[in-house]
C-alpha atoms as a PDB file:
ATOM      1  CA  MET A   1     -26.583   8.907  18.457  1.00  0.00           C
ATOM      2  CA  SER A   2     -25.085   5.399  18.307  1.00  0.00           C
ATOM      3  CA  ARG A   3     -24.944   5.718  14.534  1.00  0.00           C
ATOM      4  CA  THR A   4     -22.800   8.862  14.899  1.00  0.00           C
ATOM      5  CA  VAL A   5     -20.471   7.099  17.333  1.00  0.00           C
ATOM      6  CA  LEU A   6     -20.146   4.151  14.937  1.00  0.00           C
ATOM      7  CA  THR A   7     -19.382   6.474  12.019  1.00  0.00           C
ATOM      8  CA  LEU A   8     -16.768   8.377  14.040  1.00  0.00           C
ATOM      9  CA  THR A   9     -15.195   5.097  15.165  1.00  0.00           C
ATOM     10  CA  LEU A  10     -14.971   3.872  11.563  1.00  0.00           C
ATOM     11  CA  VAL A  11     -13.442   7.172  10.412  1.00  0.00           C
ATOM     12  CA  ALA A  12     -10.895   7.057  13.256  1.00  0.00           C
ATOM     13  CA  ALA A  13     -10.021   3.456  12.366  1.00  0.00           C
ATOM     14  CA  LEU A  14      -9.552   4.389   8.712  1.00  0.00           C
ATOM     15  CA  ILE A  15      -7.302   7.311   9.618  1.00  0.00           C
ATOM     16  CA  ALA A  16      -5.251   5.129  11.956  1.00  0.00           C
ATOM     17  CA  ALA A  17      -4.899   2.405   9.311  1.00  0.00           C
ATOM     18  CA  THR A  18      -3.855   4.964   6.692  1.00  0.00           C
ATOM     19  CA  ASN A  19      -1.238   6.445   9.025  1.00  0.00           C
ATOM     20  CA  VAL A  20       0.167   2.991   9.794  1.00  0.00           C
ATOM     21  CA  ALA A  21       0.317   2.150   6.078  1.00  0.00           C
ATOM     22  CA  LEU A  22       2.035   5.434   5.260  1.00  0.00           C
ATOM     23  CA  ALA A  23       4.516   5.002   8.088  1.00  0.00           C
ATOM     24  CA  GLY A  24       5.286   1.524   6.792  1.00  0.00           C
ATOM     25  CA  ASP A  25       5.924   2.899   3.299  1.00  0.00           C
ATOM     26  CA  CYS A  26       8.129   5.611   4.715  1.00  0.00           C
ATOM     27  CA  CYS A  27      10.325   3.289   6.710  1.00  0.00           C
ATOM     28  CA  SER A  28      10.656   0.448   4.210  1.00  0.00           C
ATOM     29  CA  LYS A  29      11.242   2.858   1.332  1.00  0.00           C
ATOM     30  CA  SER A  30      14.849   3.620   2.217  1.00  0.00           C
ATOM     31  CA  LYS A  31      15.892  -0.012   1.801  1.00  0.00           C
ATOM     32  CA  LYS A  32      13.974  -0.605  -1.432  1.00  0.00           C
ATOM     33  CA  GLN A  33      14.145   2.867  -2.971  1.00  0.00           C
ATOM     34  CA  LYS A  34      16.142   3.040  -6.188  1.00  0.00           C
ATOM     35  CA  ASP A  35      19.032   5.402  -6.882  1.00  0.00           C
ATOM     36  CA  ILE A  36      18.922   8.172  -9.501  1.00  0.00           C
ATOM     37  CA  VAL A  37      20.116   5.957 -12.359  1.00  0.00           C
ATOM     38  CA  GLU A  38      17.796   3.045 -11.543  1.00  0.00           C
ATOM     39  CA  THR A  39      14.838   5.417 -11.190  1.00  0.00           C
ATOM     40  CA  ALA A  40      15.538   7.077 -14.550  1.00  0.00           C
ATOM     41  CA  VAL A  41      15.996   3.735 -16.333  1.00  0.00           C
ATOM     42  CA  LYS A  42      12.800   2.332 -14.829  1.00  0.00           C
ATOM     43  CA  ALA A  43      10.826   5.409 -15.970  1.00  0.00           C
ATOM     44  CA  GLY A  44      11.521   4.426 -19.578  1.00  0.00           C
ATOM     45  CA  ASN A  45      11.737   7.900 -21.102  1.00  0.00           C
ATOM     46  CA  PHE A  46      15.397   8.563 -20.260  1.00  0.00           C
ATOM     47  CA  LYS A  47      17.070   5.985 -22.520  1.00  0.00           C
ATOM     48  CA  THR A  48      19.242   8.554 -24.288  1.00  0.00           C
ATOM     49  CA  LEU A  49      20.293  10.054 -20.958  1.00  0.00           C
ATOM     50  CA  ALA A  50      21.199   6.606 -19.626  1.00  0.00           C
ATOM     51  CA  THR A  51      23.236   5.854 -22.761  1.00  0.00           C
ATOM     52  CA  ALA A  52      25.033   9.195 -22.458  1.00  0.00           C
ATOM     53  CA  LEU A  53      25.771   8.630 -18.759  1.00  0.00           C
ATOM     54  CA  LYS A  54      27.238   5.240 -19.583  1.00  0.00           C
ATOM     55  CA  SER A  55      29.342   6.680 -22.409  1.00  0.00           C
ATOM     56  CA  ALA A  56      30.660   9.445 -20.118  1.00  0.00           C
ATOM     57  CA  GLU A  57      31.322   6.879 -17.364  1.00  0.00           C
ATOM     58  CA  LEU A  58      29.082   8.754 -14.910  1.00  0.00           C
ATOM     59  CA  ILE A  59      26.829   5.839 -13.911  1.00  0.00           C
ATOM     60  CA  LYS A  60      28.920   4.910 -10.871  1.00  0.00           C
ATOM     61  CA  THR A  61      28.958   8.524  -9.675  1.00  0.00           C
ATOM     62  CA  LEU A  62      25.171   8.942  -9.920  1.00  0.00           C
ATOM     63  CA  LYS A  63      24.653   5.612  -8.179  1.00  0.00           C
ATOM     64  CA  GLY A  64      26.867   6.901  -5.355  1.00  0.00           C
ATOM     65  CA  LYS A  65      25.943   8.261  -1.970  1.00  0.00           C
ATOM     66  CA  GLY A  66      24.930  11.757  -3.072  1.00  0.00           C
ATOM     67  CA  PRO A  67      22.705  13.527  -2.512  1.00  0.00           C
ATOM     68  CA  PHE A  68      22.344  14.911  -6.014  1.00  0.00           C
ATOM     69  CA  THR A  69      19.712  16.937  -7.799  1.00  0.00           C
ATOM     70  CA  VAL A  70      19.430  15.998 -11.456  1.00  0.00           C
ATOM     71  CA  PHE A  71      17.610  18.039 -14.071  1.00  0.00           C
ATOM     72  CA  ALA A  72      16.935  15.073 -16.349  1.00  0.00           C
ATOM     73  CA  PRO A  73      16.185  15.648 -20.028  1.00  0.00           C
ATOM     74  CA  THR A  74      13.774  13.159 -21.570  1.00  0.00           C
ATOM     75  CA  ASP A  75      14.372  11.269 -24.803  1.00  0.00           C
ATOM     76  CA  ASP A  76      12.187  13.886 -26.518  1.00  0.00           C
ATOM     77  CA  ALA A  77      14.471  16.623 -25.148  1.00  0.00           C
ATOM     78  CA  PHE A  78      17.470  14.955 -26.802  1.00  0.00           C
ATOM     79  CA  LYS A  79      15.510  14.766 -30.067  1.00  0.00           C
ATOM     80  CA  LYS A  80      15.323  18.584 -30.079  1.00  0.00           C
ATOM     81  CA  LEU A  81      19.105  18.758 -30.562  1.00  0.00           C
ATOM     82  CA  PRO A  82      20.319  19.182 -34.147  1.00  0.00           C
ATOM     83  CA  LYS A  83      20.393  15.908 -36.080  1.00  0.00           C
ATOM     84  CA  GLY A  84      23.552  13.904 -35.400  1.00  0.00           C
ATOM     85  CA  THR A  85      24.463  15.780 -32.195  1.00  0.00           C
ATOM     86  CA  VAL A  86      23.854  12.866 -29.838  1.00  0.00           C
ATOM     87  CA  ALA A  87      25.749  10.416 -32.049  1.00  0.00           C
ATOM     88  CA  GLU A  88      28.654  12.856 -32.227  1.00  0.00           C
ATOM     89  CA  LEU A  89      28.703  13.390 -28.458  1.00  0.00           C
ATOM     90  CA  LEU A  90      28.703   9.632 -27.818  1.00  0.00           C
ATOM     91  CA  LYS A  91      31.981   9.182 -29.697  1.00  0.00           C
ATOM     92  CA  PRO A  92      34.945   8.405 -27.392  1.00  0.00           C
ATOM     93  CA  GLU A  93      36.871  11.453 -28.585  1.00  0.00           C
ATOM     94  CA  ASN A  94      34.004  13.694 -27.348  1.00  0.00           C
ATOM     95  CA  LYS A  95      33.805  12.213 -23.848  1.00  0.00           C
ATOM     96  CA  LYS A  96      35.066  15.424 -22.205  1.00  0.00           C
ATOM     97  CA  LYS A  97      32.408  17.555 -23.916  1.00  0.00           C
ATOM     98  CA  LEU A  98      29.669  15.008 -23.132  1.00  0.00           C
ATOM     99  CA  THR A  99      30.756  14.887 -19.492  1.00  0.00           C
ATOM    100  CA  ALA A 100      30.622  18.686 -19.285  1.00  0.00           C
ATOM    101  CA  ILE A 101      27.083  18.714 -20.688  1.00  0.00           C
ATOM    102  CA  LEU A 102      25.848  15.938 -18.403  1.00  0.00           C
ATOM    103  CA  THR A 103      27.425  17.329 -15.225  1.00  0.00           C
ATOM    104  CA  TYR A 104      25.798  20.680 -16.050  1.00  0.00           C
ATOM    105  CA  HIS A 105      22.495  18.874 -15.359  1.00  0.00           C
ATOM    106  CA  VAL A 106      23.587  17.879 -11.838  1.00  0.00           C
ATOM    107  CA  VAL A 107      23.566  20.011  -8.700  1.00  0.00           C
ATOM    108  CA  PRO A 108      25.226  18.829  -5.497  1.00  0.00           C
ATOM    109  CA  GLY A 109      22.762  18.279  -2.660  1.00  0.00           C
ATOM    110  CA  GLN A 110      19.036  17.716  -2.733  1.00  0.00           C
ATOM    111  CA  VAL A 111      17.130  20.734  -4.043  1.00  0.00           C
ATOM    112  CA  LEU A 112      13.385  20.152  -3.953  1.00  0.00           C
ATOM    113  CA  ALA A 113      10.891  22.093  -6.079  1.00  0.00           C
ATOM    114  CA  GLU A 114       9.859  24.288  -3.162  1.00  0.00           C
ATOM    115  CA  ASP A 115      13.503  25.415  -2.921  1.00  0.00           C
ATOM    116  CA  VAL A 116      14.165  25.686  -6.662  1.00  0.00           C
ATOM    117  CA  VAL A 117      11.438  28.289  -7.144  1.00  0.00           C
ATOM    118  CA  LYS A 118      13.168  30.551  -4.599  1.00  0.00           C
ATOM    119  CA  LEU A 119      16.485  30.480  -6.455  1.00  0.00           C
ATOM    120  CA  LYS A 120      17.816  32.671  -9.274  1.00  0.00           C
ATOM    121  CA  LYS A 121      20.659  30.285 -10.143  1.00  0.00           C
ATOM    122  CA  VAL A 122      22.260  27.008  -9.095  1.00  0.00           C
ATOM    123  CA  LYS A 123      25.908  25.975  -9.214  1.00  0.00           C
ATOM    124  CA  THR A 124      26.238  22.743 -11.160  1.00  0.00           C
ATOM    125  CA  VAL A 125      28.732  19.916 -10.732  1.00  0.00           C
ATOM    126  CA  GLN A 126      30.214  21.027 -14.073  1.00  0.00           C
ATOM    127  CA  GLY A 127      31.219  24.295 -12.393  1.00  0.00           C
ATOM    128  CA  SER A 128      28.976  26.775 -14.195  1.00  0.00           C
ATOM    129  CA  GLU A 129      25.775  28.282 -12.897  1.00  0.00           C
ATOM    130  CA  ALA A 130      22.399  27.478 -14.439  1.00  0.00           C
ATOM    131  CA  LYS A 131      19.779  30.221 -14.312  1.00  0.00           C
ATOM    132  CA  ILE A 132      16.444  29.542 -12.631  1.00  0.00           C
ATOM    133  CA  ARG A 133      13.341  31.566 -13.403  1.00  0.00           C
ATOM    134  CA  VAL A 134       9.641  31.291 -12.774  1.00  0.00           C
ATOM    135  CA  LYS A 135       7.341  32.630 -15.466  1.00  0.00           C
ATOM    136  CA  ASP A 136       3.564  32.275 -15.487  1.00  0.00           C
ATOM    137  CA  GLY A 137       3.799  29.702 -12.704  1.00  0.00           C
ATOM    138  CA  LYS A 138       6.244  27.536 -14.650  1.00  0.00           C
ATOM    139  CA  VAL A 139       9.849  26.887 -13.673  1.00  0.00           C
ATOM    140  CA  TYR A 140      12.695  27.082 -16.183  1.00  0.00           C
ATOM    141  CA  VAL A 141      16.325  26.051 -15.851  1.00  0.00           C
ATOM    142  CA  ASP A 142      18.110  28.170 -18.432  1.00  0.00           C
ATOM    143  CA  ASN A 143      15.588  27.813 -21.307  1.00  0.00           C
ATOM    144  CA  SER A 144      14.338  24.369 -20.359  1.00  0.00           C
ATOM    145  CA  LEU A 145      10.881  23.916 -18.854  1.00  0.00           C
ATOM    146  CA  VAL A 146      10.669  21.751 -15.748  1.00  0.00           C
ATOM    147  CA  THR A 147       7.842  19.327 -16.531  1.00  0.00           C
ATOM    148  CA  ALA A 148       7.914  17.111 -13.412  1.00  0.00           C
ATOM    149  CA  THR A 149       9.449  17.661  -9.998  1.00  0.00           C
ATOM    150  CA  ASP A 150      10.558  15.962  -6.826  1.00  0.00           C
ATOM    151  CA  ILE A 151      11.041  12.419  -8.076  1.00  0.00           C
ATOM    152  CA  ARG A 152      12.765  11.222  -4.932  1.00  0.00           C
ATOM    153  CA  THR A 153      15.437   8.577  -5.046  1.00  0.00           C
ATOM    154  CA  ARG A 154      17.691   6.915  -2.508  1.00  0.00           C
ATOM    155  CA  ASN A 155      20.507   9.359  -3.295  1.00  0.00           C
ATOM    156  CA  GLY A 156      18.743  12.533  -4.365  1.00  0.00           C
ATOM    157  CA  VAL A 157      15.976  13.974  -6.466  1.00  0.00           C
ATOM    158  CA  ILE A 158      15.132  14.206 -10.160  1.00  0.00           C
ATOM    159  CA  HIS A 159      13.373  17.090 -11.875  1.00  0.00           C
ATOM    160  CA  VAL A 160      12.350  16.329 -15.479  1.00  0.00           C
ATOM    161  CA  ILE A 161      13.135  18.929 -18.132  1.00  0.00           C
ATOM    162  CA  ASP A 162      12.062  19.271 -21.768  1.00  0.00           C
ATOM    163  CA  THR A 163      15.337  20.519 -23.299  1.00  0.00           C
ATOM    164  CA  VAL A 164      18.960  19.460 -22.938  1.00  0.00           C
ATOM    165  CA  LEU A 165      20.964  22.068 -21.034  1.00  0.00           C
ATOM    166  CA  ILE A 166      24.143  23.231 -22.736  1.00  0.00           C
ATOM    167  CA  PRO A 167      26.740  25.010 -20.571  1.00  0.00           C
ATOM    168  CA  LYS A 168      28.054  28.317 -21.891  1.00  0.00           C
END
């Protein structure tokens, strides 16, 4: 009997310690949590996106208050574009087109995965609507597969996608 009481006491202590640790993470997170740009740069697989954001002068905006939801294409997603496309878009004379493409990846507000799957479309910062569909348990934005979701940042959320979205 005393062994059972000791076991239950240890389990209760572990649960209490875990809850305190989680509460500490929750509360301190807001001060230390990175913004969308810092989070993407730290991840290491969004170098092309970061370069494009800088070229389009959108860094300051995505470091702003938000909240924003960003469907972030990886470096591999940019590699799927026809050869020379990224270099062409990064030219100063193509800033308007690059900005349109990048802002098509951004939705105002914080839209978590549990909400995205309920939607048929989302209005982007660019002004157009991106289509959302769920097929075989996978979520697509236009024709891009969402490969990771709910990467929370200080000013919004990032969902990783495998293809660059191009507004129509």
